[in-house]
Amino acid sequence: MIRKLGAIATLLAIIFPVAIFAQESVAPKTASALVAEAHVCTGVQERMPMGMADSFQPEVGQVYLWCKITGATDPNTIIKVVWLYQGREKATVELPVKSSAWRTWSAKKILPQWTGEWEVKIVDAAGTVIKAIPFKIGAVEPTKQ
């Protein structure tokens, strides 16, 4: 009987630390290692954003999300750009991030009747939102001076 208890205790001593180690190694990440500088704009020229704004005329035709992603360590990194109109997903685009500092962009065609609140999110492979940018499609009010 004592031999059985000793064998069980030895077995538990061997298995238990391994189980603890395994739990620590698979702990979920709470934040993305990727960082994004991002702008909504009317165009991209020489890999830089042009016409950056937070509000656009309904006749804009197309807007872009330009971003610079830093912190990628895997050349197969993928981000998702999620375009939301009035809280509903309109489009999702996957973009590669092939170096530790990578500029990329996504374009979204805008119909004149799609006025109102928009948001574009940059999401990593784990589903963590790296950056979210709200913008508006509608009559642009002149700046008050």
C-alpha atoms as a PDB file:
ATOM      1  CA  MET A   1       0.000   0.000   0.000  1.00  0.00           C
ATOM      2  CA  ILE A   2       2.803   2.400   0.925  1.00  0.00           C
ATOM      3  CA  ARG A   3       4.580   1.574  -2.324  1.00  0.00           C
ATOM      4  CA  LYS A   4       1.407   2.443  -4.291  1.00  0.00           C
ATOM      5  CA  LEU A   5       1.064   5.775  -2.474  1.00  0.00           C
ATOM      6  CA  GLY A   6       4.756   6.497  -3.064  1.00  0.00           C
ATOM      7  CA  ALA A   7       4.398   5.680  -6.748  1.00  0.00           C
ATOM      8  CA  ILE A   8       1.298   7.872  -7.058  1.00  0.00           C
ATOM      9  CA  ALA A   9       3.022  10.739  -5.230  1.00  0.00           C
ATOM     10  CA  THR A  10       6.053  10.447  -7.506  1.00  0.00           C
ATOM     11  CA  LEU A  11       3.861  10.354 -10.576  1.00  0.00           C
ATOM     12  CA  LEU A  12       1.916  13.428  -9.421  1.00  0.00           C
ATOM     13  CA  ALA A  13       5.144  15.283  -8.658  1.00  0.00           C
ATOM     14  CA  ILE A  14       6.326  14.632 -12.187  1.00  0.00           C
ATOM     15  CA  ILE A  15       3.022  15.415 -13.953  1.00  0.00           C
ATOM     16  CA  PHE A  16       1.878  18.407 -11.896  1.00  0.00           C
ATOM     17  CA  PRO A  17       4.832  20.736 -12.687  1.00  0.00           C
ATOM     18  CA  VAL A  18       4.532  19.832 -16.379  1.00  0.00           C
ATOM     19  CA  ALA A  19       0.837  20.739 -16.312  1.00  0.00           C
ATOM     20  CA  ILE A  20       1.595  24.095 -14.681  1.00  0.00           C
ATOM     21  CA  PHE A  21       4.326  24.804 -17.244  1.00  0.00           C
ATOM     22  CA  ALA A  22       1.963  23.922 -20.105  1.00  0.00           C
ATOM     23  CA  GLN A  23      -0.688  26.310 -18.805  1.00  0.00           C
ATOM     24  CA  GLU A  24       1.790  29.161 -18.604  1.00  0.00           C
ATOM     25  CA  SER A  25       3.049  28.602 -22.134  1.00  0.00           C
ATOM     26  CA  VAL A  26      -0.432  28.746 -23.712  1.00  0.00           C
ATOM     27  CA  ALA A  27      -1.741  31.754 -21.789  1.00  0.00           C
ATOM     28  CA  PRO A  28      -3.647  34.024 -24.179  1.00  0.00           C
ATOM     29  CA  LYS A  29      -2.205  37.382 -25.159  1.00  0.00           C
ATOM     30  CA  THR A  30      -4.246  40.343 -24.007  1.00  0.00           C
ATOM     31  CA  ALA A  31      -2.690  42.931 -26.309  1.00  0.00           C
ATOM     32  CA  SER A  32      -1.276  42.919 -29.795  1.00  0.00           C
ATOM     33  CA  ALA A  33       2.453  43.323 -30.302  1.00  0.00           C
ATOM     34  CA  LEU A  34       1.641  45.271 -33.468  1.00  0.00           C
ATOM     35  CA  VAL A  35       1.328  49.052 -33.443  1.00  0.00           C
ATOM     36  CA  ALA A  36      -0.443  51.060 -36.108  1.00  0.00           C
ATOM     37  CA  GLU A  37      -0.157  54.626 -37.289  1.00  0.00           C
ATOM     38  CA  ALA A  38      -3.259  55.065 -39.446  1.00  0.00           C
ATOM     39  CA  HIS A  39      -5.285  57.663 -41.353  1.00  0.00           C
ATOM     40  CA  VAL A  40      -8.479  57.729 -43.396  1.00  0.00           C
ATOM     41  CA  CYS A  41      -7.797  59.707 -46.568  1.00  0.00           C
ATOM     42  CA  THR A  42      -8.839  60.304 -50.179  1.00  0.00           C
ATOM     43  CA  GLY A  43      -5.720  58.847 -51.766  1.00  0.00           C
ATOM     44  CA  VAL A  44      -2.258  57.362 -51.406  1.00  0.00           C
ATOM     45  CA  GLN A  45       0.683  58.816 -53.298  1.00  0.00           C
ATOM     46  CA  GLU A  46       4.231  57.461 -53.055  1.00  0.00           C
ATOM     47  CA  ARG A  47       3.023  55.192 -50.206  1.00  0.00           C
ATOM     48  CA  MET A  48       1.868  58.170 -48.117  1.00  0.00           C
ATOM     49  CA  PRO A  49      -1.710  59.296 -47.280  1.00  0.00           C
ATOM     50  CA  MET A  50      -3.203  62.288 -49.126  1.00  0.00           C
ATOM     51  CA  GLY A  51      -6.370  64.192 -48.200  1.00  0.00           C
ATOM     52  CA  MET A  52      -6.570  63.017 -44.581  1.00  0.00           C
ATOM     53  CA  ALA A  53      -9.814  63.964 -42.816  1.00  0.00           C
ATOM     54  CA  ASP A  54     -12.438  62.685 -40.415  1.00  0.00           C
ATOM     55  CA  SER A  55     -15.353  63.791 -42.616  1.00  0.00           C
ATOM     56  CA  PHE A  56     -15.877  63.434 -46.367  1.00  0.00           C
ATOM     57  CA  GLN A  57     -18.467  64.611 -48.920  1.00  0.00           C
ATOM     58  CA  PRO A  58     -20.970  61.954 -50.104  1.00  0.00           C
ATOM     59  CA  GLU A  59     -19.545  62.314 -53.629  1.00  0.00           C
ATOM     60  CA  VAL A  60     -16.044  61.303 -52.477  1.00  0.00           C
ATOM     61  CA  GLY A  61     -16.371  58.027 -54.408  1.00  0.00           C
ATOM     62  CA  GLN A  62     -13.666  56.192 -52.496  1.00  0.00           C
ATOM     63  CA  VAL A  63     -11.754  56.523 -49.239  1.00  0.00           C
ATOM     64  CA  TYR A  64      -8.602  54.785 -48.080  1.00  0.00           C
ATOM     65  CA  LEU A  65      -7.268  53.504 -44.817  1.00  0.00           C
ATOM     66  CA  TRP A  66      -3.512  54.026 -44.928  1.00  0.00           C
ATOM     67  CA  CYS A  67      -1.482  52.468 -42.132  1.00  0.00           C
ATOM     68  CA  LYS A  68       2.057  51.826 -41.007  1.00  0.00           C
ATOM     69  CA  ILE A  69       2.313  48.651 -38.953  1.00  0.00           C
ATOM     70  CA  THR A  70       5.327  48.207 -36.683  1.00  0.00           C
ATOM     71  CA  GLY A  71       6.357  45.344 -34.456  1.00  0.00           C
ATOM     72  CA  ALA A  72       5.774  42.397 -36.793  1.00  0.00           C
ATOM     73  CA  THR A  73       8.371  39.681 -36.287  1.00  0.00           C
ATOM     74  CA  ASP A  74       6.946  37.114 -38.716  1.00  0.00           C
ATOM     75  CA  PRO A  75       7.099  37.889 -42.469  1.00  0.00           C
ATOM     76  CA  ASN A  76       3.775  36.015 -42.839  1.00  0.00           C
ATOM     77  CA  THR A  77       1.883  38.401 -40.531  1.00  0.00           C
ATOM     78  CA  ILE A  78      -1.632  39.291 -41.705  1.00  0.00           C
ATOM     79  CA  ILE A  79      -3.857  42.131 -40.541  1.00  0.00           C
ATOM     80  CA  LYS A  80      -7.516  42.633 -41.320  1.00  0.00           C
ATOM     81  CA  VAL A  81      -9.071  45.977 -42.209  1.00  0.00           C
ATOM     82  CA  VAL A  82     -12.739  45.984 -41.259  1.00  0.00           C
ATOM     83  CA  TRP A  83     -14.978  48.698 -42.747  1.00  0.00           C
ATOM     84  CA  LEU A  84     -18.121  49.400 -40.687  1.00  0.00           C
ATOM     85  CA  TYR A  85     -21.071  51.553 -41.773  1.00  0.00           C
ATOM     86  CA  GLN A  86     -23.540  52.481 -39.014  1.00  0.00           C
ATOM     87  CA  GLY A  87     -22.147  49.644 -36.906  1.00  0.00           C
ATOM     88  CA  ARG A  88     -22.516  46.966 -39.594  1.00  0.00           C
ATOM     89  CA  GLU A  89     -19.639  45.353 -41.430  1.00  0.00           C
ATOM     90  CA  LYS A  90     -19.462  46.458 -45.074  1.00  0.00           C
ATOM     91  CA  ALA A  91     -16.155  44.839 -46.008  1.00  0.00           C
ATOM     92  CA  THR A  92     -13.128  43.048 -44.585  1.00  0.00           C
ATOM     93  CA  VAL A  93      -9.775  43.020 -46.344  1.00  0.00           C
ATOM     94  CA  GLU A  94      -6.744  40.935 -45.368  1.00  0.00           C
ATOM     95  CA  LEU A  95      -3.379  42.623 -45.900  1.00  0.00           C
ATOM     96  CA  PRO A  96       0.109  41.161 -45.502  1.00  0.00           C
ATOM     97  CA  VAL A  97       2.689  42.755 -43.216  1.00  0.00           C
ATOM     98  CA  LYS A  98       6.042  41.591 -44.547  1.00  0.00           C
ATOM     99  CA  SER A  99       8.510  43.455 -42.325  1.00  0.00           C
ATOM    100  CA  SER A 100       8.830  45.091 -38.905  1.00  0.00           C
ATOM    101  CA  ALA A 101       7.788  48.477 -40.366  1.00  0.00           C
ATOM    102  CA  TRP A 102       5.301  48.042 -43.218  1.00  0.00           C
ATOM    103  CA  ARG A 103       3.085  50.607 -44.965  1.00  0.00           C
ATOM    104  CA  THR A 104      -0.084  49.354 -46.602  1.00  0.00           C
ATOM    105  CA  TRP A 105      -3.579  50.543 -47.419  1.00  0.00           C
ATOM    106  CA  SER A 106      -7.110  49.447 -48.207  1.00  0.00           C
ATOM    107  CA  ALA A 107      -9.657  51.311 -50.356  1.00  0.00           C
ATOM    108  CA  LYS A 108     -13.431  51.369 -49.900  1.00  0.00           C
ATOM    109  CA  LYS A 109     -15.819  52.552 -52.596  1.00  0.00           C
ATOM    110  CA  ILE A 110     -18.458  54.876 -51.128  1.00  0.00           C
ATOM    111  CA  LEU A 111     -21.867  55.315 -52.719  1.00  0.00           C
ATOM    112  CA  PRO A 112     -23.389  58.818 -52.322  1.00  0.00           C
ATOM    113  CA  GLN A 113     -26.336  57.423 -50.321  1.00  0.00           C
ATOM    114  CA  TRP A 114     -24.022  55.850 -47.703  1.00  0.00           C
ATOM    115  CA  THR A 115     -24.012  58.950 -45.506  1.00  0.00           C
ATOM    116  CA  GLY A 116     -23.553  58.790 -41.770  1.00  0.00           C
ATOM    117  CA  GLU A 117     -21.162  57.282 -39.278  1.00  0.00           C
ATOM    118  CA  TRP A 118     -18.378  54.973 -40.442  1.00  0.00           C
ATOM    119  CA  GLU A 119     -15.529  53.256 -38.640  1.00  0.00           C
ATOM    120  CA  VAL A 120     -12.528  51.350 -39.925  1.00  0.00           C
ATOM    121  CA  LYS A 121     -10.660  48.909 -37.672  1.00  0.00           C
ATOM    122  CA  ILE A 122      -7.255  47.292 -37.991  1.00  0.00           C
ATOM    123  CA  VAL A 123      -7.348  43.841 -36.407  1.00  0.00           C
ATOM    124  CA  ASP A 124      -4.510  41.372 -35.807  1.00  0.00           C
ATOM    125  CA  ALA A 125      -4.652  37.596 -36.397  1.00  0.00           C
ATOM    126  CA  ALA A 126      -5.828  36.983 -32.805  1.00  0.00           C
ATOM    127  CA  GLY A 127      -8.798  39.332 -33.322  1.00  0.00           C
ATOM    128  CA  THR A 128      -7.358  42.161 -31.225  1.00  0.00           C
ATOM    129  CA  VAL A 129      -8.253  45.632 -32.497  1.00  0.00           C
ATOM    130  CA  ILE A 130      -4.958  47.452 -33.044  1.00  0.00           C
ATOM    131  CA  LYS A 131      -6.571  50.734 -34.074  1.00  0.00           C
ATOM    132  CA  ALA A 132     -10.094  52.010 -34.762  1.00  0.00           C
ATOM    133  CA  ILE A 133     -10.795  55.238 -36.637  1.00  0.00           C
ATOM    134  CA  PRO A 134     -14.282  56.748 -36.823  1.00  0.00           C
ATOM    135  CA  PHE A 135     -15.179  59.020 -39.748  1.00  0.00           C
ATOM    136  CA  LYS A 136     -18.256  60.533 -41.322  1.00  0.00           C
ATOM    137  CA  ILE A 137     -19.665  60.654 -44.826  1.00  0.00           C
ATOM    138  CA  GLY A 138     -21.929  63.666 -45.186  1.00  0.00           C
ATOM    139  CA  ALA A 139     -22.036  67.374 -45.752  1.00  0.00           C
ATOM    140  CA  VAL A 140     -18.741  68.787 -44.527  1.00  0.00           C
ATOM    141  CA  GLU A 141     -19.327  71.897 -42.456  1.00  0.00           C
ATOM    142  CA  PRO A 142     -16.969  74.812 -42.943  1.00  0.00           C
ATOM    143  CA  THR A 143     -14.488  75.400 -40.142  1.00  0.00           C
ATOM    144  CA  LYS A 144     -15.596  78.174 -37.777  1.00  0.00           C
ATOM    145  CA  GLN A 145     -13.041  80.887 -37.157  1.00  0.00           C
END
